Amino acid sequence: MIGIEYIVDEEGHQKAAVIDLGIFGDIWEDIHDILVVESRKNEPRIEWDEFKEKVGA
């Protein structure tokens, strides 16, 4: 695929990708947002009303 290069291990398994932001820069923010959401999916949650109390809203 043009604009994406894969980094592979010694056995040829894909381990990482390099994305050309000159081509895909407009979607990078979306990809980043998805990665942040995924990394936080197991964090503890609080109810909306409790949050509002904490921030004084």
PDB file of N, CA and C in Angstrom:
ATOM      1  N   MET A   1       0.855  -1.172   0.000  1.00  0.00           N
ATOM      2  CA  MET A   1       0.000   0.000   0.000  1.00  0.00           C
ATOM      3  C   MET A   1       0.901   1.235   0.000  1.00  0.00           C
ATOM      4  N   ILE A   2       0.603   2.152  -0.837  1.00  0.00           N
ATOM      5  CA  ILE A   2       1.384   3.378  -0.927  1.00  0.00           C
ATOM      6  C   ILE A   2       1.183   4.195   0.345  1.00  0.00           C
ATOM      7  N   GLY A   3       2.284   4.677   0.912  1.00  0.00           N
ATOM      8  CA  GLY A   3       2.221   5.517   2.095  1.00  0.00           C
ATOM      9  C   GLY A   3       2.305   4.791   3.412  1.00  0.00           C
ATOM     10  N   ILE A   4       2.389   3.444   3.356  1.00  0.00           N
ATOM     11  CA  ILE A   4       2.528   2.667   4.587  1.00  0.00           C
ATOM     12  C   ILE A   4       3.646   1.658   4.376  1.00  0.00           C
ATOM     13  N   GLU A   5       4.589   1.656   5.317  1.00  0.00           N
ATOM     14  CA  GLU A   5       5.679   0.683   5.296  1.00  0.00           C
ATOM     15  C   GLU A   5       5.582  -0.151   6.563  1.00  0.00           C
ATOM     16  N   TYR A   6       5.804  -1.441   6.418  1.00  0.00           N
ATOM     17  CA  TYR A   6       5.731  -2.344   7.561  1.00  0.00           C
ATOM     18  C   TYR A   6       7.126  -2.721   8.023  1.00  0.00           C
ATOM     19  N   ILE A   7       7.296  -2.779   9.326  1.00  0.00           N
ATOM     20  CA  ILE A   7       8.527  -3.269   9.927  1.00  0.00           C
ATOM     21  C   ILE A   7       8.241  -4.709  10.335  1.00  0.00           C
ATOM     22  N   VAL A   8       9.102  -5.609   9.902  1.00  0.00           N
ATOM     23  CA  VAL A   8       8.878  -7.027  10.158  1.00  0.00           C
ATOM     24  C   VAL A   8      10.030  -7.599  10.982  1.00  0.00           C
ATOM     25  N   ASP A   9       9.739  -8.692  11.688  1.00  0.00           N
ATOM     26  CA  ASP A   9      10.785  -9.359  12.445  1.00  0.00           C
ATOM     27  C   ASP A   9      11.558 -10.305  11.523  1.00  0.00           C
ATOM     28  N   GLU A  10      12.467 -11.068  12.110  1.00  0.00           N
ATOM     29  CA  GLU A  10      13.322 -11.963  11.329  1.00  0.00           C
ATOM     30  C   GLU A  10      12.526 -13.019  10.573  1.00  0.00           C
ATOM     31  N   GLU A  11      11.340 -13.327  11.073  1.00  0.00           N
ATOM     32  CA  GLU A  11      10.510 -14.358  10.434  1.00  0.00           C
ATOM     33  C   GLU A  11       9.511 -13.771   9.449  1.00  0.00           C
ATOM     34  N   GLY A  12       9.542 -12.456   9.279  1.00  0.00           N
ATOM     35  CA  GLY A  12       8.648 -11.818   8.314  1.00  0.00           C
ATOM     36  C   GLY A  12       7.298 -11.412   8.878  1.00  0.00           C
ATOM     37  N   HIS A  13       7.117 -11.509  10.197  1.00  0.00           N
ATOM     38  CA  HIS A  13       5.850 -11.108  10.817  1.00  0.00           C
ATOM     39  C   HIS A  13       5.828  -9.588  10.995  1.00  0.00           C
ATOM     40  N   GLN A  14       4.738  -8.980  10.609  1.00  0.00           N
ATOM     41  CA  GLN A  14       4.615  -7.530  10.757  1.00  0.00           C
ATOM     42  C   GLN A  14       4.568  -7.160  12.232  1.00  0.00           C
ATOM     43  N   LYS A  15       5.403  -6.198  12.621  1.00  0.00           N
ATOM     44  CA  LYS A  15       5.485  -5.771  14.015  1.00  0.00           C
ATOM     45  C   LYS A  15       5.105  -4.313  14.197  1.00  0.00           C
ATOM     46  N   ALA A  16       5.230  -3.516  13.149  1.00  0.00           N
ATOM     47  CA  ALA A  16       4.933  -2.092  13.247  1.00  0.00           C
ATOM     48  C   ALA A  16       4.663  -1.558  11.855  1.00  0.00           C
ATOM     49  N   ALA A  17       4.103  -0.359  11.817  1.00  0.00           N
ATOM     50  CA  ALA A  17       3.845   0.298  10.536  1.00  0.00           C
ATOM     51  C   ALA A  17       4.301   1.742  10.621  1.00  0.00           C
ATOM     52  N   VAL A  18       4.859   2.225   9.532  1.00  0.00           N
ATOM     53  CA  VAL A  18       5.244   3.624   9.408  1.00  0.00           C
ATOM     54  C   VAL A  18       4.251   4.247   8.432  1.00  0.00           C
ATOM     55  N   ILE A  19       3.537   5.264   8.903  1.00  0.00           N
ATOM     56  CA  ILE A  19       2.486   5.896   8.102  1.00  0.00           C
ATOM     57  C   ILE A  19       2.989   7.236   7.592  1.00  0.00           C
ATOM     58  N   ASP A  20       2.934   7.441   6.293  1.00  0.00           N
ATOM     59  CA  ASP A  20       3.335   8.703   5.676  1.00  0.00           C
ATOM     60  C   ASP A  20       2.263   9.747   5.966  1.00  0.00           C
ATOM     61  N   LEU A  21       2.572  10.677   6.864  1.00  0.00           N
ATOM     62  CA  LEU A  21       1.586  11.692   7.247  1.00  0.00           C
ATOM     63  C   LEU A  21       1.334  12.685   6.115  1.00  0.00           C
ATOM     64  N   GLY A  22       2.230  12.733   5.142  1.00  0.00           N
ATOM     65  CA  GLY A  22       1.975  13.557   3.971  1.00  0.00           C
ATOM     66  C   GLY A  22       0.789  13.042   3.179  1.00  0.00           C
ATOM     67  N   ILE A  23       0.568  11.751   3.254  1.00  0.00           N
ATOM     68  CA  ILE A  23      -0.569  11.128   2.558  1.00  0.00           C
ATOM     69  C   ILE A  23      -1.744  10.945   3.507  1.00  0.00           C
ATOM     70  N   PHE A  24      -1.469  10.473   4.715  1.00  0.00           N
ATOM     71  CA  PHE A  24      -2.531  10.105   5.654  1.00  0.00           C
ATOM     72  C   PHE A  24      -2.648  11.052   6.841  1.00  0.00           C
ATOM     73  N   GLY A  25      -2.056  12.225   6.757  1.00  0.00           N
ATOM     74  CA  GLY A  25      -2.073  13.164   7.874  1.00  0.00           C
ATOM     75  C   GLY A  25      -3.461  13.568   8.309  1.00  0.00           C
ATOM     76  N   ASP A  26      -4.402  13.608   7.363  1.00  0.00           N
ATOM     77  CA  ASP A  26      -5.762  14.033   7.709  1.00  0.00           C
ATOM     78  C   ASP A  26      -6.497  13.018   8.573  1.00  0.00           C
ATOM     79  N   ILE A  27      -6.075  11.762   8.554  1.00  0.00           N
ATOM     80  CA  ILE A  27      -6.751  10.767   9.397  1.00  0.00           C
ATOM     81  C   ILE A  27      -5.930  10.399  10.636  1.00  0.00           C
ATOM     82  N   TRP A  28      -4.708  10.954  10.748  1.00  0.00           N
ATOM     83  CA  TRP A  28      -3.863  10.600  11.883  1.00  0.00           C
ATOM     84  C   TRP A  28      -4.541  10.931  13.211  1.00  0.00           C
ATOM     85  N   GLU A  29      -5.200  12.078  13.302  1.00  0.00           N
ATOM     86  CA  GLU A  29      -5.852  12.448  14.558  1.00  0.00           C
ATOM     87  C   GLU A  29      -6.902  11.413  14.948  1.00  0.00           C
ATOM     88  N   ASP A  30      -7.634  10.893  13.980  1.00  0.00           N
ATOM     89  CA  ASP A  30      -8.633   9.852  14.268  1.00  0.00           C
ATOM     90  C   ASP A  30      -7.968   8.573  14.768  1.00  0.00           C
ATOM     91  N   ILE A  31      -6.879   8.182  14.114  1.00  0.00           N
ATOM     92  CA  ILE A  31      -6.152   6.985  14.545  1.00  0.00           C
ATOM     93  C   ILE A  31      -5.632   7.173  15.962  1.00  0.00           C
ATOM     94  N   HIS A  32      -5.064   8.334  16.234  1.00  0.00           N
ATOM     95  CA  HIS A  32      -4.532   8.620  17.573  1.00  0.00           C
ATOM     96  C   HIS A  32      -5.647   8.559  18.620  1.00  0.00           C
ATOM     97  N   ASP A  33      -6.796   9.159  18.317  1.00  0.00           N
ATOM     98  CA  ASP A  33      -7.924   9.135  19.255  1.00  0.00           C
ATOM     99  C   ASP A  33      -8.339   7.706  19.574  1.00  0.00           C
ATOM    100  N   ILE A  34      -8.401   6.852  18.560  1.00  0.00           N
ATOM    101  CA  ILE A  34      -8.786   5.456  18.768  1.00  0.00           C
ATOM    102  C   ILE A  34      -7.773   4.755  19.667  1.00  0.00           C
ATOM    103  N   LEU A  35      -6.488   5.022  19.447  1.00  0.00           N
ATOM    104  CA  LEU A  35      -5.454   4.405  20.274  1.00  0.00           C
ATOM    105  C   LEU A  35      -5.545   4.869  21.726  1.00  0.00           C
ATOM    106  N   VAL A  36      -5.845   6.150  21.949  1.00  0.00           N
ATOM    107  CA  VAL A  36      -5.993   6.668  23.318  1.00  0.00           C
ATOM    108  C   VAL A  36      -7.193   6.009  24.001  1.00  0.00           C
ATOM    109  N   VAL A  37      -8.315   5.932  23.303  1.00  0.00           N
ATOM    110  CA  VAL A  37      -9.507   5.295  23.868  1.00  0.00           C
ATOM    111  C   VAL A  37      -9.207   3.843  24.234  1.00  0.00           C
ATOM    112  N   GLU A  38      -8.553   3.127  23.336  1.00  0.00           N
ATOM    113  CA  GLU A  38      -8.223   1.724  23.592  1.00  0.00           C
ATOM    114  C   GLU A  38      -7.317   1.587  24.813  1.00  0.00           C
ATOM    115  N   SER A  39      -6.359   2.492  24.960  1.00  0.00           N
ATOM    116  CA  SER A  39      -5.427   2.400  26.092  1.00  0.00           C
ATOM    117  C   SER A  39      -6.103   2.697  27.427  1.00  0.00           C
ATOM    118  N   ARG A  40      -7.233   3.377  27.389  1.00  0.00           N
ATOM    119  CA  ARG A  40      -7.916   3.777  28.627  1.00  0.00           C
ATOM    120  C   ARG A  40      -9.154   2.944  28.937  1.00  0.00           C
ATOM    121  N   LYS A  41      -9.438   1.929  28.149  1.00  0.00           N
ATOM    122  CA  LYS A  41     -10.704   1.209  28.296  1.00  0.00           C
ATOM    123  C   LYS A  41     -10.864   0.505  29.631  1.00  0.00           C
ATOM    124  N   ASN A  42      -9.777   0.204  30.313  1.00  0.00           N
ATOM    125  CA  ASN A  42      -9.876  -0.495  31.604  1.00  0.00           C
ATOM    126  C   ASN A  42      -9.708   0.427  32.798  1.00  0.00           C
ATOM    127  N   GLU A  43      -9.651   1.727  32.553  1.00  0.00           N
ATOM    128  CA  GLU A  43      -9.535   2.670  33.665  1.00  0.00           C
ATOM    129  C   GLU A  43     -10.858   2.718  34.430  1.00  0.00           C
ATOM    130  N   PRO A  44     -10.780   3.003  35.723  1.00  0.00           N
ATOM    131  CA  PRO A  44     -12.027   3.096  36.499  1.00  0.00           C
ATOM    132  C   PRO A  44     -12.897   4.249  35.980  1.00  0.00           C
ATOM    133  N   ARG A  45     -14.181   4.076  36.090  1.00  0.00           N
ATOM    134  CA  ARG A  45     -15.129   5.087  35.624  1.00  0.00           C
ATOM    135  C   ARG A  45     -15.873   5.699  36.804  1.00  0.00           C
ATOM    136  N   ILE A  46     -16.325   6.925  36.598  1.00  0.00           N
ATOM    137  CA  ILE A  46     -17.159   7.566  37.614  1.00  0.00           C
ATOM    138  C   ILE A  46     -18.434   8.064  36.938  1.00  0.00           C
ATOM    139  N   GLU A  47     -19.473   8.212  37.720  1.00  0.00           N
ATOM    140  CA  GLU A  47     -20.746   8.704  37.196  1.00  0.00           C
ATOM    141  C   GLU A  47     -20.626  10.180  36.831  1.00  0.00           C
ATOM    142  N   TRP A  48     -21.423  10.612  35.864  1.00  0.00           N
ATOM    143  CA  TRP A  48     -21.393  11.996  35.378  1.00  0.00           C
ATOM    144  C   TRP A  48     -21.649  12.984  36.512  1.00  0.00           C
ATOM    145  N   ASP A  49     -22.624  12.720  37.362  1.00  0.00           N
ATOM    146  CA  ASP A  49     -22.934  13.635  38.470  1.00  0.00           C
ATOM    147  C   ASP A  49     -21.764  13.749  39.443  1.00  0.00           C
ATOM    148  N   GLU A  50     -21.092  12.643  39.697  1.00  0.00           N
ATOM    149  CA  GLU A  50     -19.923  12.659  40.578  1.00  0.00           C
ATOM    150  C   GLU A  50     -18.798  13.492  39.949  1.00  0.00           C
ATOM    151  N   PHE A  51     -18.608  13.352  38.655  1.00  0.00           N
ATOM    152  CA  PHE A  51     -17.588  14.139  37.961  1.00  0.00           C
ATOM    153  C   PHE A  51     -17.895  15.635  38.050  1.00  0.00           C
ATOM    154  N   LYS A  52     -19.144  15.984  37.808  1.00  0.00           N
ATOM    155  CA  LYS A  52     -19.524  17.401  37.871  1.00  0.00           C
ATOM    156  C   LYS A  52     -19.258  17.986  39.250  1.00  0.00           C
ATOM    157  N   GLU A  53     -19.522  17.206  40.304  1.00  0.00           N
ATOM    158  CA  GLU A  53     -19.234  17.669  41.655  1.00  0.00           C
ATOM    159  C   GLU A  53     -17.738  17.913  41.856  1.00  0.00           C
ATOM    160  N   LYS A  54     -16.916  16.999  41.325  1.00  0.00           N
ATOM    161  CA  LYS A  54     -15.465  17.122  41.498  1.00  0.00           C
ATOM    162  C   LYS A  54     -14.913  18.348  40.808  1.00  0.00           C
ATOM    163  N   VAL A  55     -15.466  18.706  39.647  1.00  0.00           N
ATOM    164  CA  VAL A  55     -14.931  19.845  38.896  1.00  0.00           C
ATOM    165  C   VAL A  55     -15.683  21.129  39.208  1.00  0.00           C
ATOM    166  N   GLY A  56     -16.700  21.034  40.049  1.00  0.00           N
ATOM    167  CA  GLY A  56     -17.441  22.221  40.463  1.00  0.00           C
ATOM    168  C   GLY A  56     -18.368  22.780  39.392  1.00  0.00           C
ATOM    169  N   ALA A  57     -18.862  21.907  38.535  1.00  0.00           N
ATOM    170  CA  ALA A  57     -19.769  22.378  37.477  1.00  0.00           C
ATOM    171  C   ALA A  57     -21.202  22.413  37.942  1.00  0.00           C
TER     172      ALA A  57
END
